[in-house]
Amino acid sequence: MDRLFFVIGAVSACIAVAAGAFGAHALKSRLSADMLAVFEVGARYQMYHALALLACAWAVTKWPGTLVSAAGWLFILGTLLFSGSLYVLSLTGLRWLGAITPLGGIALLAGWICLAAAAIKS
């Protein structure tokens, strides 16, 4: 599990950097300021949670158990739902995708709670 979380975290961080650069350069003249800001929030939170996955890769070696694994999977799910919905929303203008974003946020919060609980429990 430690290698899997590390690989997914590293790939996600790479994608977040690419998305940030894409937003700053290619999308700057194509999106409205508010939609560009939405895109940038997606990239920022993807990076935060890519780093969180790297932390999970370390934590699973220190505190093995279901809580750290759950945290990692929740960070993956949350990133897909939260950042993914913001990317698609900003690029397509499909406002109904905004209803998915909070579900991703809840998954991210739950991941942090699981990670904290794993540390407390150890």
PDB file of N, CA and C in Angstrom:
ATOM      1  N   MET A   1       0.827  -1.195   0.000  1.00  0.00           N
ATOM      2  CA  MET A   1       0.000   0.000   0.000  1.00  0.00           C
ATOM      3  C   MET A   1       0.871   1.258   0.000  1.00  0.00           C
ATOM      4  N   ASP A   2       2.029   1.212   0.674  1.00  0.00           N
ATOM      5  CA  ASP A   2       2.876   2.400   0.737  1.00  0.00           C
ATOM      6  C   ASP A   2       3.362   2.806  -0.647  1.00  0.00           C
ATOM      7  N   ARG A   3       3.761   1.846  -1.460  1.00  0.00           N
ATOM      8  CA  ARG A   3       4.211   2.178  -2.822  1.00  0.00           C
ATOM      9  C   ARG A   3       3.066   2.680  -3.685  1.00  0.00           C
ATOM     10  N   LEU A   4       1.918   2.064  -3.542  1.00  0.00           N
ATOM     11  CA  LEU A   4       0.759   2.484  -4.339  1.00  0.00           C
ATOM     12  C   LEU A   4       0.392   3.932  -4.025  1.00  0.00           C
ATOM     13  N   PHE A   5       0.270   4.263  -2.746  1.00  0.00           N
ATOM     14  CA  PHE A   5      -0.054   5.641  -2.377  1.00  0.00           C
ATOM     15  C   PHE A   5       1.035   6.605  -2.824  1.00  0.00           C
ATOM     16  N   PHE A   6       2.297   6.180  -2.721  1.00  0.00           N
ATOM     17  CA  PHE A   6       3.392   7.055  -3.140  1.00  0.00           C
ATOM     18  C   PHE A   6       3.336   7.308  -4.643  1.00  0.00           C
ATOM     19  N   VAL A   7       3.126   6.254  -5.426  1.00  0.00           N
ATOM     20  CA  VAL A   7       3.059   6.410  -6.884  1.00  0.00           C
ATOM     21  C   VAL A   7       1.867   7.274  -7.278  1.00  0.00           C
ATOM     22  N   ILE A   8       0.700   6.997  -6.726  1.00  0.00           N
ATOM     23  CA  ILE A   8      -0.487   7.789  -7.069  1.00  0.00           C
ATOM     24  C   ILE A   8      -0.296   9.236  -6.626  1.00  0.00           C
ATOM     25  N   GLY A   9       0.299   9.457  -5.458  1.00  0.00           N
ATOM     26  CA  GLY A   9       0.566  10.812  -4.986  1.00  0.00           C
ATOM     27  C   GLY A   9       1.520  11.555  -5.903  1.00  0.00           C
ATOM     28  N   ALA A  10       2.599  10.884  -6.320  1.00  0.00           N
ATOM     29  CA  ALA A  10       3.571  11.525  -7.207  1.00  0.00           C
ATOM     30  C   ALA A  10       2.953  11.846  -8.571  1.00  0.00           C
ATOM     31  N   VAL A  11       2.184  10.914  -9.117  1.00  0.00           N
ATOM     32  CA  VAL A  11       1.522  11.156 -10.410  1.00  0.00           C
ATOM     33  C   VAL A  11       0.495  12.279 -10.279  1.00  0.00           C
ATOM     34  N   SER A  12      -0.245  12.278  -9.189  1.00  0.00           N
ATOM     35  CA  SER A  12      -1.234  13.330  -8.968  1.00  0.00           C
ATOM     36  C   SER A  12      -0.571  14.699  -8.824  1.00  0.00           C
ATOM     37  N   ALA A  13       0.563  14.758  -8.138  1.00  0.00           N
ATOM     38  CA  ALA A  13       1.297  16.015  -8.009  1.00  0.00           C
ATOM     39  C   ALA A  13       1.773  16.502  -9.375  1.00  0.00           C
ATOM     40  N   CYS A  14       2.255  15.590 -10.196  1.00  0.00           N
ATOM     41  CA  CYS A  14       2.692  15.931 -11.549  1.00  0.00           C
ATOM     42  C   CYS A  14       1.525  16.504 -12.355  1.00  0.00           C
ATOM     43  N   ILE A  15       0.379  15.856 -12.265  1.00  0.00           N
ATOM     44  CA  ILE A  15      -0.810  16.332 -12.981  1.00  0.00           C
ATOM     45  C   ILE A  15      -1.230  17.704 -12.450  1.00  0.00           C
ATOM     46  N   ALA A  16      -1.135  17.905 -11.136  1.00  0.00           N
ATOM     47  CA  ALA A  16      -1.507  19.199 -10.548  1.00  0.00           C
ATOM     48  C   ALA A  16      -0.600  20.316 -11.059  1.00  0.00           C
ATOM     49  N   VAL A  17       0.692  20.041 -11.169  1.00  0.00           N
ATOM     50  CA  VAL A  17       1.619  21.046 -11.706  1.00  0.00           C
ATOM     51  C   VAL A  17       1.267  21.342 -13.170  1.00  0.00           C
ATOM     52  N   ALA A  18       1.016  20.295 -13.939  1.00  0.00           N
ATOM     53  CA  ALA A  18       0.653  20.477 -15.346  1.00  0.00           C
ATOM     54  C   ALA A  18      -0.661  21.254 -15.472  1.00  0.00           C
ATOM     55  N   ALA A  19      -1.635  20.929 -14.626  1.00  0.00           N
ATOM     56  CA  ALA A  19      -2.917  21.637 -14.656  1.00  0.00           C
ATOM     57  C   ALA A  19      -2.734  23.105 -14.288  1.00  0.00           C
ATOM     58  N   GLY A  20      -1.906  23.369 -13.287  1.00  0.00           N
ATOM     59  CA  GLY A  20      -1.645  24.750 -12.893  1.00  0.00           C
ATOM     60  C   GLY A  20      -1.007  25.537 -14.018  1.00  0.00           C
ATOM     61  N   ALA A  21      -0.030  24.939 -14.679  1.00  0.00           N
ATOM     62  CA  ALA A  21       0.625  25.609 -15.808  1.00  0.00           C
ATOM     63  C   ALA A  21      -0.346  25.800 -16.968  1.00  0.00           C
ATOM     64  N   PHE A  22      -1.151  24.780 -17.239  1.00  0.00           N
ATOM     65  CA  PHE A  22      -2.150  24.862 -18.305  1.00  0.00           C
ATOM     66  C   PHE A  22      -3.135  25.995 -18.027  1.00  0.00           C
ATOM     67  N   GLY A  23      -3.582  26.069 -16.784  1.00  0.00           N
ATOM     68  CA  GLY A  23      -4.513  27.132 -16.413  1.00  0.00           C
ATOM     69  C   GLY A  23      -3.887  28.507 -16.532  1.00  0.00           C
ATOM     70  N   ALA A  24      -2.655  28.637 -16.067  1.00  0.00           N
ATOM     71  CA  ALA A  24      -1.983  29.945 -16.070  1.00  0.00           C
ATOM     72  C   ALA A  24      -1.635  30.423 -17.474  1.00  0.00           C
ATOM     73  N   HIS A  25      -1.381  29.503 -18.375  1.00  0.00           N
ATOM     74  CA  HIS A  25      -0.923  29.901 -19.704  1.00  0.00           C
ATOM     75  C   HIS A  25      -1.981  29.701 -20.788  1.00  0.00           C
ATOM     76  N   ALA A  26      -2.464  28.482 -20.946  1.00  0.00           N
ATOM     77  CA  ALA A  26      -3.378  28.190 -22.053  1.00  0.00           C
ATOM     78  C   ALA A  26      -4.805  28.665 -21.797  1.00  0.00           C
ATOM     79  N   LEU A  27      -5.230  28.665 -20.546  1.00  0.00           N
ATOM     80  CA  LEU A  27      -6.626  29.004 -20.264  1.00  0.00           C
ATOM     81  C   LEU A  27      -6.838  30.464 -19.895  1.00  0.00           C
ATOM     82  N   LYS A  28      -5.770  31.182 -19.618  1.00  0.00           N
ATOM     83  CA  LYS A  28      -5.889  32.563 -19.151  1.00  0.00           C
ATOM     84  C   LYS A  28      -6.719  33.437 -20.093  1.00  0.00           C
ATOM     85  N   SER A  29      -6.535  33.245 -21.379  1.00  0.00           N
ATOM     86  CA  SER A  29      -7.268  34.065 -22.350  1.00  0.00           C
ATOM     87  C   SER A  29      -8.563  33.405 -22.812  1.00  0.00           C
ATOM     88  N   ARG A  30      -8.830  32.184 -22.368  1.00  0.00           N
ATOM     89  CA  ARG A  30     -10.006  31.449 -22.856  1.00  0.00           C
ATOM     90  C   ARG A  30     -11.134  31.344 -21.844  1.00  0.00           C
ATOM     91  N   LEU A  31     -10.789  31.485 -20.570  1.00  0.00           N
ATOM     92  CA  LEU A  31     -11.816  31.369 -19.532  1.00  0.00           C
ATOM     93  C   LEU A  31     -12.043  32.730 -18.881  1.00  0.00           C
ATOM     94  N   SER A  32     -13.251  32.905 -18.373  1.00  0.00           N
ATOM     95  CA  SER A  32     -13.518  34.107 -17.595  1.00  0.00           C
ATOM     96  C   SER A  32     -12.693  34.043 -16.308  1.00  0.00           C
ATOM     97  N   ALA A  33     -12.536  35.172 -15.664  1.00  0.00           N
ATOM     98  CA  ALA A  33     -11.731  35.222 -14.440  1.00  0.00           C
ATOM     99  C   ALA A  33     -12.291  34.300 -13.359  1.00  0.00           C
ATOM    100  N   ASP A  34     -13.624  34.239 -13.237  1.00  0.00           N
ATOM    101  CA  ASP A  34     -14.190  33.382 -12.194  1.00  0.00           C
ATOM    102  C   ASP A  34     -14.007  31.899 -12.517  1.00  0.00           C
ATOM    103  N   MET A  35     -14.105  31.505 -13.781  1.00  0.00           N
ATOM    104  CA  MET A  35     -13.895  30.107 -14.141  1.00  0.00           C
ATOM    105  C   MET A  35     -12.416  29.721 -14.060  1.00  0.00           C
ATOM    106  N   LEU A  36     -11.533  30.664 -14.346  1.00  0.00           N
ATOM    107  CA  LEU A  36     -10.105  30.402 -14.183  1.00  0.00           C
ATOM    108  C   LEU A  36      -9.777  30.198 -12.703  1.00  0.00           C
ATOM    109  N   ALA A  37     -10.413  30.979 -11.843  1.00  0.00           N
ATOM    110  CA  ALA A  37     -10.213  30.813 -10.400  1.00  0.00           C
ATOM    111  C   ALA A  37     -10.704  29.445  -9.935  1.00  0.00           C
ATOM    112  N   VAL A  38     -11.825  28.981 -10.483  1.00  0.00           N
ATOM    113  CA  VAL A  38     -12.354  27.654 -10.145  1.00  0.00           C
ATOM    114  C   VAL A  38     -11.341  26.579 -10.557  1.00  0.00           C
ATOM    115  N   PHE A  39     -10.803  26.706 -11.765  1.00  0.00           N
ATOM    116  CA  PHE A  39      -9.807  25.757 -12.252  1.00  0.00           C
ATOM    117  C   PHE A  39      -8.589  25.740 -11.329  1.00  0.00           C
ATOM    118  N   GLU A  40      -8.137  26.921 -10.922  1.00  0.00           N
ATOM    119  CA  GLU A  40      -6.959  27.026 -10.054  1.00  0.00           C
ATOM    120  C   GLU A  40      -7.196  26.414  -8.678  1.00  0.00           C
ATOM    121  N   VAL A  41      -8.407  26.531  -8.153  1.00  0.00           N
ATOM    122  CA  VAL A  41      -8.732  25.886  -6.875  1.00  0.00           C
ATOM    123  C   VAL A  41      -8.616  24.371  -7.027  1.00  0.00           C
ATOM    124  N   GLY A  42      -9.095  23.841  -8.137  1.00  0.00           N
ATOM    125  CA  GLY A  42      -8.968  22.403  -8.386  1.00  0.00           C
ATOM    126  C   GLY A  42      -7.519  21.958  -8.396  1.00  0.00           C
ATOM    127  N   ALA A  43      -6.657  22.713  -9.079  1.00  0.00           N
ATOM    128  CA  ALA A  43      -5.239  22.364  -9.147  1.00  0.00           C
ATOM    129  C   ALA A  43      -4.579  22.466  -7.773  1.00  0.00           C
ATOM    130  N   ARG A  44      -4.924  23.502  -7.031  1.00  0.00           N
ATOM    131  CA  ARG A  44      -4.328  23.705  -5.706  1.00  0.00           C
ATOM    132  C   ARG A  44      -4.696  22.564  -4.754  1.00  0.00           C
ATOM    133  N   TYR A  45      -5.978  22.213  -4.718  1.00  0.00           N
ATOM    134  CA  TYR A  45      -6.401  21.140  -3.827  1.00  0.00           C
ATOM    135  C   TYR A  45      -5.897  19.780  -4.289  1.00  0.00           C
ATOM    136  N   GLN A  46      -5.724  19.604  -5.579  1.00  0.00           N
ATOM    137  CA  GLN A  46      -5.123  18.362  -6.056  1.00  0.00           C
ATOM    138  C   GLN A  46      -3.697  18.246  -5.541  1.00  0.00           C
ATOM    139  N   MET A  47      -2.946  19.335  -5.584  1.00  0.00           N
ATOM    140  CA  MET A  47      -1.574  19.302  -5.085  1.00  0.00           C
ATOM    141  C   MET A  47      -1.536  19.031  -3.582  1.00  0.00           C
ATOM    142  N   TYR A  48      -2.387  19.717  -2.833  1.00  0.00           N
ATOM    143  CA  TYR A  48      -2.414  19.474  -1.387  1.00  0.00           C
ATOM    144  C   TYR A  48      -2.618  17.987  -1.092  1.00  0.00           C
ATOM    145  N   HIS A  49      -3.532  17.369  -1.807  1.00  0.00           N
ATOM    146  CA  HIS A  49      -3.890  15.997  -1.487  1.00  0.00           C
ATOM    147  C   HIS A  49      -2.975  14.985  -2.156  1.00  0.00           C
ATOM    148  N   ALA A  50      -2.225  15.405  -3.164  1.00  0.00           N
ATOM    149  CA  ALA A  50      -1.138  14.564  -3.669  1.00  0.00           C
ATOM    150  C   ALA A  50      -0.077  14.447  -2.573  1.00  0.00           C
ATOM    151  N   LEU A  51       0.216  15.568  -1.930  1.00  0.00           N
ATOM    152  CA  LEU A  51       1.175  15.550  -0.814  1.00  0.00           C
ATOM    153  C   LEU A  51       0.626  14.739   0.356  1.00  0.00           C
ATOM    154  N   ALA A  52      -0.677  14.819   0.572  1.00  0.00           N
ATOM    155  CA  ALA A  52      -1.297  14.021   1.633  1.00  0.00           C
ATOM    156  C   ALA A  52      -1.140  12.525   1.337  1.00  0.00           C
ATOM    157  N   LEU A  53      -1.220  12.138   0.075  1.00  0.00           N
ATOM    158  CA  LEU A  53      -1.012  10.733  -0.279  1.00  0.00           C
ATOM    159  C   LEU A  53       0.426  10.302  -0.004  1.00  0.00           C
ATOM    160  N   LEU A  54       1.380  11.198  -0.237  1.00  0.00           N
ATOM    161  CA  LEU A  54       2.774  10.881   0.108  1.00  0.00           C
ATOM    162  C   LEU A  54       2.892  10.681   1.618  1.00  0.00           C
ATOM    163  N   ALA A  55       2.186  11.504   2.382  1.00  0.00           N
ATOM    164  CA  ALA A  55       2.175  11.331   3.837  1.00  0.00           C
ATOM    165  C   ALA A  55       1.548   9.990   4.218  1.00  0.00           C
ATOM    166  N   CYS A  56       0.505   9.598   3.519  1.00  0.00           N
ATOM    167  CA  CYS A  56      -0.123   8.299   3.785  1.00  0.00           C
ATOM    168  C   CYS A  56       0.838   7.154   3.471  1.00  0.00           C
ATOM    169  N   ALA A  57       1.614   7.303   2.399  1.00  0.00           N
ATOM    170  CA  ALA A  57       2.595   6.270   2.051  1.00  0.00           C
ATOM    171  C   ALA A  57       3.587   6.085   3.192  1.00  0.00           C
ATOM    172  N   TRP A  58       3.992   7.173   3.804  1.00  0.00           N
ATOM    173  CA  TRP A  58       4.887   7.089   4.960  1.00  0.00           C
ATOM    174  C   TRP A  58       4.138   6.532   6.175  1.00  0.00           C
ATOM    175  N   ALA A  59       2.940   7.051   6.420  1.00  0.00           N
ATOM    176  CA  ALA A  59       2.187   6.684   7.624  1.00  0.00           C
ATOM    177  C   ALA A  59       1.813   5.209   7.639  1.00  0.00           C
ATOM    178  N   VAL A  60       1.543   4.642   6.474  1.00  0.00           N
ATOM    179  CA  VAL A  60       1.143   3.227   6.442  1.00  0.00           C
ATOM    180  C   VAL A  60       2.305   2.323   6.857  1.00  0.00           C
ATOM    181  N   THR A  61       3.542   2.793   6.721  1.00  0.00           N
ATOM    182  CA  THR A  61       4.688   2.009   7.194  1.00  0.00           C
ATOM    183  C   THR A  61       4.897   2.185   8.695  1.00  0.00           C
ATOM    184  N   LYS A  62       4.487   3.315   9.230  1.00  0.00           N
ATOM    185  CA  LYS A  62       4.657   3.605  10.655  1.00  0.00           C
ATOM    186  C   LYS A  62       3.472   3.114  11.489  1.00  0.00           C
ATOM    187  N   TRP A  63       2.279   3.309  10.966  1.00  0.00           N
ATOM    188  CA  TRP A  63       1.053   2.920  11.675  1.00  0.00           C
ATOM    189  C   TRP A  63       0.176   2.069  10.754  1.00  0.00           C
ATOM    190  N   PRO A  64       0.586   0.860  10.450  1.00  0.00           N
ATOM    191  CA  PRO A  64      -0.219   0.039   9.536  1.00  0.00           C
ATOM    192  C   PRO A  64      -1.623  -0.188  10.106  1.00  0.00           C
ATOM    193  N   GLY A  65      -2.557  -0.251   9.220  1.00  0.00           N
ATOM    194  CA  GLY A  65      -3.938  -0.503   9.642  1.00  0.00           C
ATOM    195  C   GLY A  65      -4.926   0.101   8.674  1.00  0.00           C
ATOM    196  N   THR A  66      -6.158  -0.118   8.998  1.00  0.00           N
ATOM    197  CA  THR A  66      -7.213   0.301   8.081  1.00  0.00           C
ATOM    198  C   THR A  66      -7.411   1.813   8.050  1.00  0.00           C
ATOM    199  N   LEU A  67      -7.100   2.509   9.128  1.00  0.00           N
ATOM    200  CA  LEU A  67      -7.350   3.957   9.149  1.00  0.00           C
ATOM    201  C   LEU A  67      -6.471   4.703   8.151  1.00  0.00           C
ATOM    202  N   VAL A  68      -5.191   4.364   8.080  1.00  0.00           N
ATOM    203  CA  VAL A  68      -4.310   5.041   7.123  1.00  0.00           C
ATOM    204  C   VAL A  68      -4.697   4.659   5.702  1.00  0.00           C
ATOM    205  N   SER A  69      -5.006   3.387   5.488  1.00  0.00           N
ATOM    206  CA  SER A  69      -5.438   2.966   4.151  1.00  0.00           C
ATOM    207  C   SER A  69      -6.717   3.677   3.746  1.00  0.00           C
ATOM    208  N   ALA A  70      -7.653   3.777   4.682  1.00  0.00           N
ATOM    209  CA  ALA A  70      -8.896   4.498   4.392  1.00  0.00           C
ATOM    210  C   ALA A  70      -8.607   5.948   4.056  1.00  0.00           C
ATOM    211  N   ALA A  71      -7.685   6.569   4.795  1.00  0.00           N
ATOM    212  CA  ALA A  71      -7.319   7.962   4.511  1.00  0.00           C
ATOM    213  C   ALA A  71      -6.804   8.102   3.086  1.00  0.00           C
ATOM    214  N   GLY A  72      -5.908   7.216   2.687  1.00  0.00           N
ATOM    215  CA  GLY A  72      -5.360   7.281   1.333  1.00  0.00           C
ATOM    216  C   GLY A  72      -6.426   7.144   0.269  1.00  0.00           C
ATOM    217  N   TRP A  73      -7.299   6.170   0.434  1.00  0.00           N
ATOM    218  CA  TRP A  73      -8.370   5.975  -0.563  1.00  0.00           C
ATOM    219  C   TRP A  73      -9.350   7.142  -0.567  1.00  0.00           C
ATOM    220  N   LEU A  74      -9.616   7.705   0.600  1.00  0.00           N
ATOM    221  CA  LEU A  74     -10.497   8.875   0.661  1.00  0.00           C
ATOM    222  C   LEU A  74      -9.851  10.081  -0.010  1.00  0.00           C
ATOM    223  N   PHE A  75      -8.524  10.255   0.128  1.00  0.00           N
ATOM    224  CA  PHE A  75      -7.833  11.341  -0.563  1.00  0.00           C
ATOM    225  C   PHE A  75      -7.911  11.147  -2.080  1.00  0.00           C
ATOM    226  N   ILE A  76      -7.780   9.921  -2.534  1.00  0.00           N
ATOM    227  CA  ILE A  76      -7.877   9.647  -3.973  1.00  0.00           C
ATOM    228  C   ILE A  76      -9.288   9.950  -4.474  1.00  0.00           C
ATOM    229  N   LEU A  77     -10.290   9.400  -3.791  1.00  0.00           N
ATOM    230  CA  LEU A  77     -11.684   9.634  -4.186  1.00  0.00           C
ATOM    231  C   LEU A  77     -12.021  11.120  -4.115  1.00  0.00           C
ATOM    232  N   GLY A  78     -11.628  11.753  -3.025  1.00  0.00           N
ATOM    233  CA  GLY A  78     -11.931  13.171  -2.853  1.00  0.00           C
ATOM    234  C   GLY A  78     -11.300  14.032  -3.924  1.00  0.00           C
ATOM    235  N   THR A  79     -10.057  13.722  -4.292  1.00  0.00           N
ATOM    236  CA  THR A  79      -9.387  14.483  -5.347  1.00  0.00           C
ATOM    237  C   THR A  79     -10.112  14.315  -6.672  1.00  0.00           C
ATOM    238  N   LEU A  80     -10.479  13.081  -6.984  1.00  0.00           N
ATOM    239  CA  LEU A  80     -11.201  12.846  -8.240  1.00  0.00           C
ATOM    240  C   LEU A  80     -12.515  13.621  -8.284  1.00  0.00           C
ATOM    241  N   LEU A  81     -13.267  13.566  -7.189  1.00  0.00           N
ATOM    242  CA  LEU A  81     -14.567  14.244  -7.168  1.00  0.00           C
ATOM    243  C   LEU A  81     -14.425  15.755  -7.045  1.00  0.00           C
ATOM    244  N   PHE A  82     -13.579  16.222  -6.132  1.00  0.00           N
ATOM    245  CA  PHE A  82     -13.458  17.650  -5.878  1.00  0.00           C
ATOM    246  C   PHE A  82     -12.743  18.347  -7.032  1.00  0.00           C
ATOM    247  N   SER A  83     -11.496  17.998  -7.243  1.00  0.00           N
ATOM    248  CA  SER A  83     -10.733  18.670  -8.298  1.00  0.00           C
ATOM    249  C   SER A  83     -11.291  18.340  -9.678  1.00  0.00           C
ATOM    250  N   GLY A  84     -11.637  17.075  -9.875  1.00  0.00           N
ATOM    251  CA  GLY A  84     -12.187  16.680 -11.178  1.00  0.00           C
ATOM    252  C   GLY A  84     -13.436  17.459 -11.541  1.00  0.00           C
ATOM    253  N   SER A  85     -14.349  17.617 -10.591  1.00  0.00           N
ATOM    254  CA  SER A  85     -15.583  18.361 -10.895  1.00  0.00           C
ATOM    255  C   SER A  85     -15.287  19.832 -11.154  1.00  0.00           C
ATOM    256  N   LEU A  86     -14.308  20.391 -10.443  1.00  0.00           N
ATOM    257  CA  LEU A  86     -13.957  21.798 -10.681  1.00  0.00           C
ATOM    258  C   LEU A  86     -13.306  21.983 -12.049  1.00  0.00           C
ATOM    259  N   TYR A  87     -12.455  21.043 -12.445  1.00  0.00           N
ATOM    260  CA  TYR A  87     -11.841  21.122 -13.776  1.00  0.00           C
ATOM    261  C   TYR A  87     -12.917  21.086 -14.869  1.00  0.00           C
ATOM    262  N   VAL A  88     -13.796  20.103 -14.762  1.00  0.00           N
ATOM    263  CA  VAL A  88     -14.828  19.948 -15.792  1.00  0.00           C
ATOM    264  C   VAL A  88     -15.795  21.127 -15.769  1.00  0.00           C
ATOM    265  N   LEU A  89     -16.177  21.587 -14.593  1.00  0.00           N
ATOM    266  CA  LEU A  89     -17.062  22.743 -14.468  1.00  0.00           C
ATOM    267  C   LEU A  89     -16.457  23.966 -15.142  1.00  0.00           C
ATOM    268  N   SER A  90     -15.193  24.241 -14.858  1.00  0.00           N
ATOM    269  CA  SER A  90     -14.572  25.444 -15.416  1.00  0.00           C
ATOM    270  C   SER A  90     -14.394  25.345 -16.924  1.00  0.00           C
ATOM    271  N   LEU A  91     -14.148  24.150 -17.441  1.00  0.00           N
ATOM    272  CA  LEU A  91     -13.914  23.990 -18.879  1.00  0.00           C
ATOM    273  C   LEU A  91     -15.190  23.892 -19.695  1.00  0.00           C
ATOM    274  N   THR A  92     -16.271  23.396 -19.075  1.00  0.00           N
ATOM    275  CA  THR A  92     -17.515  23.189 -19.825  1.00  0.00           C
ATOM    276  C   THR A  92     -18.633  24.149 -19.443  1.00  0.00           C
ATOM    277  N   GLY A  93     -18.553  24.712 -18.246  1.00  0.00           N
ATOM    278  CA  GLY A  93     -19.624  25.576 -17.766  1.00  0.00           C
ATOM    279  C   GLY A  93     -20.836  24.817 -17.254  1.00  0.00           C
ATOM    280  N   LEU A  94     -20.741  23.496 -17.145  1.00  0.00           N
ATOM    281  CA  LEU A  94     -21.856  22.692 -16.648  1.00  0.00           C
ATOM    282  C   LEU A  94     -21.999  22.902 -15.142  1.00  0.00           C
ATOM    283  N   ARG A  95     -22.905  23.775 -14.767  1.00  0.00           N
ATOM    284  CA  ARG A  95     -23.057  24.185 -13.367  1.00  0.00           C
ATOM    285  C   ARG A  95     -23.512  23.068 -12.443  1.00  0.00           C
ATOM    286  N   TRP A  96     -24.219  22.072 -12.959  1.00  0.00           N
ATOM    287  CA  TRP A  96     -24.694  20.989 -12.104  1.00  0.00           C
ATOM    288  C   TRP A  96     -23.536  20.207 -11.493  1.00  0.00           C
ATOM    289  N   LEU A  97     -22.349  20.303 -12.085  1.00  0.00           N
ATOM    290  CA  LEU A  97     -21.187  19.613 -11.515  1.00  0.00           C
ATOM    291  C   LEU A  97     -20.798  20.179 -10.159  1.00  0.00           C
ATOM    292  N   GLY A  98     -21.231  21.406  -9.888  1.00  0.00           N
ATOM    293  CA  GLY A  98     -20.977  22.002  -8.581  1.00  0.00           C
ATOM    294  C   GLY A  98     -21.610  21.207  -7.449  1.00  0.00           C
ATOM    295  N   ALA A  99     -22.611  20.384  -7.771  1.00  0.00           N
ATOM    296  CA  ALA A  99     -23.245  19.543  -6.754  1.00  0.00           C
ATOM    297  C   ALA A  99     -22.356  18.369  -6.358  1.00  0.00           C
ATOM    298  N   ILE A 100     -21.417  17.991  -7.213  1.00  0.00           N
ATOM    299  CA  ILE A 100     -20.512  16.878  -6.927  1.00  0.00           C
ATOM    300  C   ILE A 100     -19.338  17.338  -6.060  1.00  0.00           C
ATOM    301  N   THR A 101     -18.932  18.578  -6.232  1.00  0.00           N
ATOM    302  CA  THR A 101     -17.758  19.107  -5.543  1.00  0.00           C
ATOM    303  C   THR A 101     -17.818  18.912  -4.027  1.00  0.00           C
ATOM    304  N   PRO A 102     -18.929  19.214  -3.359  1.00  0.00           N
ATOM    305  CA  PRO A 102     -18.966  19.014  -1.894  1.00  0.00           C
ATOM    306  C   PRO A 102     -18.781  17.556  -1.476  1.00  0.00           C
ATOM    307  N   LEU A 103     -19.204  16.616  -2.315  1.00  0.00           N
ATOM    308  CA  LEU A 103     -18.987  15.208  -1.988  1.00  0.00           C
ATOM    309  C   LEU A 103     -17.484  14.906  -1.951  1.00  0.00           C
ATOM    310  N   GLY A 104     -16.758  15.487  -2.884  1.00  0.00           N
ATOM    311  CA  GLY A 104     -15.311  15.342  -2.872  1.00  0.00           C
ATOM    312  C   GLY A 104     -14.704  15.988  -1.646  1.00  0.00           C
ATOM    313  N   GLY A 105     -15.223  17.157  -1.275  1.00  0.00           N
ATOM    314  CA  GLY A 105     -14.738  17.842  -0.078  1.00  0.00           C
ATOM    315  C   GLY A 105     -14.969  17.025   1.183  1.00  0.00           C
ATOM    316  N   ILE A 106     -16.110  16.371   1.253  1.00  0.00           N
ATOM    317  CA  ILE A 106     -16.412  15.519   2.406  1.00  0.00           C
ATOM    318  C   ILE A 106     -15.437  14.343   2.459  1.00  0.00           C
ATOM    319  N   ALA A 107     -15.143  13.754   1.303  1.00  0.00           N
ATOM    320  CA  ALA A 107     -14.178  12.646   1.264  1.00  0.00           C
ATOM    321  C   ALA A 107     -12.794  13.117   1.715  1.00  0.00           C
ATOM    322  N   LEU A 108     -12.388  14.317   1.289  1.00  0.00           N
ATOM    323  CA  LEU A 108     -11.095  14.852   1.705  1.00  0.00           C
ATOM    324  C   LEU A 108     -11.058  15.082   3.217  1.00  0.00           C
ATOM    325  N   LEU A 109     -12.116  15.664   3.754  1.00  0.00           N
ATOM    326  CA  LEU A 109     -12.189  15.869   5.207  1.00  0.00           C
ATOM    327  C   LEU A 109     -12.139  14.538   5.956  1.00  0.00           C
ATOM    328  N   ALA A 110     -12.865  13.563   5.467  1.00  0.00           N
ATOM    329  CA  ALA A 110     -12.866  12.245   6.103  1.00  0.00           C
ATOM    330  C   ALA A 110     -11.475  11.617   6.051  1.00  0.00           C
ATOM    331  N   GLY A 111     -10.753  11.849   4.965  1.00  0.00           N
ATOM    332  CA  GLY A 111      -9.387  11.346   4.869  1.00  0.00           C
ATOM    333  C   GLY A 111      -8.495  11.937   5.946  1.00  0.00           C
ATOM    334  N   TRP A 112      -8.618  13.245   6.156  1.00  0.00           N
ATOM    335  CA  TRP A 112      -7.813  13.892   7.206  1.00  0.00           C
ATOM    336  C   TRP A 112      -8.192  13.369   8.583  1.00  0.00           C
ATOM    337  N   ILE A 113      -9.479  13.138   8.811  1.00  0.00           N
ATOM    338  CA  ILE A 113      -9.925  12.597  10.107  1.00  0.00           C
ATOM    339  C   ILE A 113      -9.359  11.194  10.313  1.00  0.00           C
ATOM    340  N   CYS A 114      -9.387  10.370   9.273  1.00  0.00           N
ATOM    341  CA  CYS A 114      -8.828   9.021   9.391  1.00  0.00           C
ATOM    342  C   CYS A 114      -7.327   9.069   9.655  1.00  0.00           C
ATOM    343  N   LEU A 115      -6.618   9.968   8.994  1.00  0.00           N
ATOM    344  CA  LEU A 115      -5.180  10.072   9.202  1.00  0.00           C
ATOM    345  C   LEU A 115      -4.867  10.511  10.634  1.00  0.00           C
ATOM    346  N   ALA A 116      -5.614  11.484  11.130  1.00  0.00           N
ATOM    347  CA  ALA A 116      -5.429  11.917  12.517  1.00  0.00           C
ATOM    348  C   ALA A 116      -5.763  10.795  13.497  1.00  0.00           C
ATOM    349  N   ALA A 117      -6.844  10.079  13.226  1.00  0.00           N
ATOM    350  CA  ALA A 117      -7.236   8.983  14.112  1.00  0.00           C
ATOM    351  C   ALA A 117      -6.176   7.879  14.132  1.00  0.00           C
ATOM    352  N   ALA A 118      -5.559   7.618  12.993  1.00  0.00           N
ATOM    353  CA  ALA A 118      -4.497   6.612  12.942  1.00  0.00           C
ATOM    354  C   ALA A 118      -3.318   7.019  13.822  1.00  0.00           C
ATOM    355  N   ALA A 119      -2.984   8.300  13.800  1.00  0.00           N
ATOM    356  CA  ALA A 119      -1.873   8.785  14.616  1.00  0.00           C
ATOM    357  C   ALA A 119      -2.223   8.717  16.111  1.00  0.00           C
ATOM    358  N   ILE A 120      -3.450   9.077  16.435  1.00  0.00           N
ATOM    359  CA  ILE A 120      -3.894   9.035  17.834  1.00  0.00           C
ATOM    360  C   ILE A 120      -3.933   7.603  18.350  1.00  0.00           C
ATOM    361  N   LYS A 121      -4.431   6.716  17.504  1.00  0.00           N
ATOM    362  CA  LYS A 121      -4.602   5.315  17.889  1.00  0.00           C
ATOM    363  C   LYS A 121      -3.269   4.590  18.086  1.00  0.00           C
ATOM    364  N   SER A 122      -2.239   5.038  17.403  1.00  0.00           N
ATOM    365  CA  SER A 122      -0.968   4.291  17.454  1.00  0.00           C
ATOM    366  C   SER A 122      -0.310   4.352  18.778  1.00  0.00           C
TER     367      SER A 122
END
